[in-house]
Amino acid sequence: MKRNEQKGHVHQEQASRFRNHQVITRLDESLPLETEEWAPIERLLVRLTEFAPTEMLVDLTTAIASFADDQARRAYILGQEDLSLELKKRVA
């Protein structure tokens, strides 16, 4: 691999990370953490702590949150792509 190609790859990776950070920041600003939908889930997790080890529940909660973040990020990106296509159609 040539030196310039390698720099381009690093630059693309940094740009990708920056875009992901922007999406995550936008989602965090737009979606409240304390909602009516979350309350029953939190109660179930509290009840589970009586029977399951706390470490296991933390791992489960982290996995669920990571999955949800990933799905929300994908939905946001798809929405942005749809919006750009719609705007291109209107301009044409």
C-alpha atoms as a PDB file:
ATOM      1  CA  MET A   1       0.000   0.000   0.000  1.00  0.00           C
ATOM      2  CA  LYS A   2       1.298   3.413  -0.892  1.00  0.00           C
ATOM      3  CA  ARG A   3       1.766   6.025   1.739  1.00  0.00           C
ATOM      4  CA  ASN A   4      -0.868   8.375   0.278  1.00  0.00           C
ATOM      5  CA  GLU A   5      -3.444   5.578   0.084  1.00  0.00           C
ATOM      6  CA  GLN A   6      -2.867   4.768   3.725  1.00  0.00           C
ATOM      7  CA  LYS A   7      -3.366   8.410   4.732  1.00  0.00           C
ATOM      8  CA  GLY A   8      -6.618   8.488   2.752  1.00  0.00           C
ATOM      9  CA  HIS A   9      -7.839   5.404   4.600  1.00  0.00           C
ATOM     10  CA  VAL A  10      -7.037   6.958   7.965  1.00  0.00           C
ATOM     11  CA  HIS A  11      -8.775  10.186   6.933  1.00  0.00           C
ATOM     12  CA  GLN A  12     -11.889   8.266   5.844  1.00  0.00           C
ATOM     13  CA  GLU A  13     -11.935   6.365   9.128  1.00  0.00           C
ATOM     14  CA  GLN A  14     -11.695   9.616  11.096  1.00  0.00           C
ATOM     15  CA  ALA A  15     -14.472  11.162   9.013  1.00  0.00           C
ATOM     16  CA  SER A  16     -16.641   8.094   9.615  1.00  0.00           C
ATOM     17  CA  ARG A  17     -16.040   8.292  13.372  1.00  0.00           C
ATOM     18  CA  PHE A  18     -16.876  12.001  13.321  1.00  0.00           C
ATOM     19  CA  ARG A  19     -20.160  11.340  11.453  1.00  0.00           C
ATOM     20  CA  ASN A  20     -21.065   8.595  13.941  1.00  0.00           C
ATOM     21  CA  HIS A  21     -20.307  10.982  16.802  1.00  0.00           C
ATOM     22  CA  GLN A  22     -22.544  13.624  15.218  1.00  0.00           C
ATOM     23  CA  VAL A  23     -25.397  11.130  14.859  1.00  0.00           C
ATOM     24  CA  ILE A  24     -25.027   9.924  18.446  1.00  0.00           C
ATOM     25  CA  THR A  25     -24.950  13.511  19.715  1.00  0.00           C
ATOM     26  CA  ARG A  26     -28.065  14.395  17.708  1.00  0.00           C
ATOM     27  CA  LEU A  27     -29.930  11.355  19.024  1.00  0.00           C
ATOM     28  CA  ASP A  28     -28.898  12.092  22.609  1.00  0.00           C
ATOM     29  CA  GLU A  29     -30.153  15.660  22.275  1.00  0.00           C
ATOM     30  CA  SER A  30     -33.458  14.629  20.699  1.00  0.00           C
ATOM     31  CA  LEU A  31     -34.479  11.536  22.638  1.00  0.00           C
ATOM     32  CA  PRO A  32     -35.319  11.841  26.324  1.00  0.00           C
ATOM     33  CA  LEU A  33     -33.919   9.173  28.614  1.00  0.00           C
ATOM     34  CA  GLU A  34     -36.736   9.180  31.168  1.00  0.00           C
ATOM     35  CA  THR A  35     -39.971   8.238  29.402  1.00  0.00           C
ATOM     36  CA  GLU A  36     -43.202   6.449  30.222  1.00  0.00           C
ATOM     37  CA  GLU A  37     -42.033   3.526  28.107  1.00  0.00           C
ATOM     38  CA  TRP A  38     -38.812   3.192  30.085  1.00  0.00           C
ATOM     39  CA  ALA A  39     -40.419   3.090  33.557  1.00  0.00           C
ATOM     40  CA  PRO A  40     -41.857  -0.469  33.268  1.00  0.00           C
ATOM     41  CA  ILE A  41     -38.563  -1.736  31.870  1.00  0.00           C
ATOM     42  CA  GLU A  42     -36.677  -0.184  34.747  1.00  0.00           C
ATOM     43  CA  ARG A  43     -39.075  -1.779  37.245  1.00  0.00           C
ATOM     44  CA  LEU A  44     -38.518  -5.194  35.627  1.00  0.00           C
ATOM     45  CA  LEU A  45     -34.764  -4.745  35.839  1.00  0.00           C
ATOM     46  CA  VAL A  46     -35.035  -3.843  39.504  1.00  0.00           C
ATOM     47  CA  ARG A  47     -37.105  -6.976  40.145  1.00  0.00           C
ATOM     48  CA  LEU A  48     -34.573  -9.084  38.261  1.00  0.00           C
ATOM     49  CA  THR A  49     -31.768  -7.837  40.490  1.00  0.00           C
ATOM     50  CA  GLU A  50     -33.341  -9.845  43.294  1.00  0.00           C
ATOM     51  CA  PHE A  51     -32.578 -13.093  41.443  1.00  0.00           C
ATOM     52  CA  ALA A  52     -29.840 -12.476  38.911  1.00  0.00           C
ATOM     53  CA  PRO A  53     -26.302 -11.283  39.602  1.00  0.00           C
ATOM     54  CA  THR A  54     -25.944  -7.540  39.152  1.00  0.00           C
ATOM     55  CA  GLU A  55     -23.023  -7.978  36.751  1.00  0.00           C
ATOM     56  CA  MET A  56     -25.195 -10.092  34.456  1.00  0.00           C
ATOM     57  CA  LEU A  57     -27.916  -7.439  34.461  1.00  0.00           C
ATOM     58  CA  VAL A  58     -25.416  -4.703  33.695  1.00  0.00           C
ATOM     59  CA  ASP A  59     -24.111  -6.745  30.757  1.00  0.00           C
ATOM     60  CA  LEU A  60     -27.662  -7.363  29.525  1.00  0.00           C
ATOM     61  CA  THR A  61     -28.647  -3.711  29.849  1.00  0.00           C
ATOM     62  CA  THR A  62     -25.484  -2.590  28.091  1.00  0.00           C
ATOM     63  CA  ALA A  63     -26.089  -5.031  25.232  1.00  0.00           C
ATOM     64  CA  ILE A  64     -29.695  -3.874  24.838  1.00  0.00           C
ATOM     65  CA  ALA A  65     -28.689  -0.203  24.933  1.00  0.00           C
ATOM     66  CA  SER A  66     -25.936  -0.785  22.391  1.00  0.00           C
ATOM     67  CA  PHE A  67     -28.347  -2.599  20.084  1.00  0.00           C
ATOM     68  CA  ALA A  68     -30.940   0.170  20.431  1.00  0.00           C
ATOM     69  CA  ASP A  69     -28.317   2.872  19.769  1.00  0.00           C
ATOM     70  CA  ASP A  70     -27.159   1.046  16.665  1.00  0.00           C
ATOM     71  CA  GLN A  71     -30.710   0.673  15.364  1.00  0.00           C
ATOM     72  CA  ALA A  72     -31.481   4.336  16.052  1.00  0.00           C
ATOM     73  CA  ARG A  73     -28.254   5.407  14.330  1.00  0.00           C
ATOM     74  CA  ARG A  74     -29.114   3.318  11.268  1.00  0.00           C
ATOM     75  CA  ALA A  75     -32.643   4.733  11.168  1.00  0.00           C
ATOM     76  CA  TYR A  76     -31.294   8.278  11.409  1.00  0.00           C
ATOM     77  CA  ILE A  77     -28.816   7.694   8.589  1.00  0.00           C
ATOM     78  CA  LEU A  78     -31.467   6.058   6.402  1.00  0.00           C
ATOM     79  CA  GLY A  79     -33.776   8.992   7.082  1.00  0.00           C
ATOM     80  CA  GLN A  80     -31.068  11.416   6.039  1.00  0.00           C
ATOM     81  CA  GLU A  81     -30.461   9.446   2.838  1.00  0.00           C
ATOM     82  CA  ASP A  82     -34.197   9.426   2.068  1.00  0.00           C
ATOM     83  CA  LEU A  83     -34.378  13.153   2.702  1.00  0.00           C
ATOM     84  CA  SER A  84     -31.449  13.864   0.380  1.00  0.00           C
ATOM     85  CA  LEU A  85     -33.012  11.716  -2.375  1.00  0.00           C
ATOM     86  CA  GLU A  86     -36.328  13.528  -1.967  1.00  0.00           C
ATOM     87  CA  LEU A  87     -34.617  16.920  -2.149  1.00  0.00           C
ATOM     88  CA  LYS A  88     -32.712  15.847  -5.278  1.00  0.00           C
ATOM     89  CA  LYS A  89     -35.993  14.801  -6.916  1.00  0.00           C
ATOM     90  CA  ARG A  90     -37.571  18.149  -6.097  1.00  0.00           C
ATOM     91  CA  VAL A  91     -34.612  20.066  -7.493  1.00  0.00           C
ATOM     92  CA  ALA A  92     -34.569  18.032 -10.741  1.00  0.00           C
END
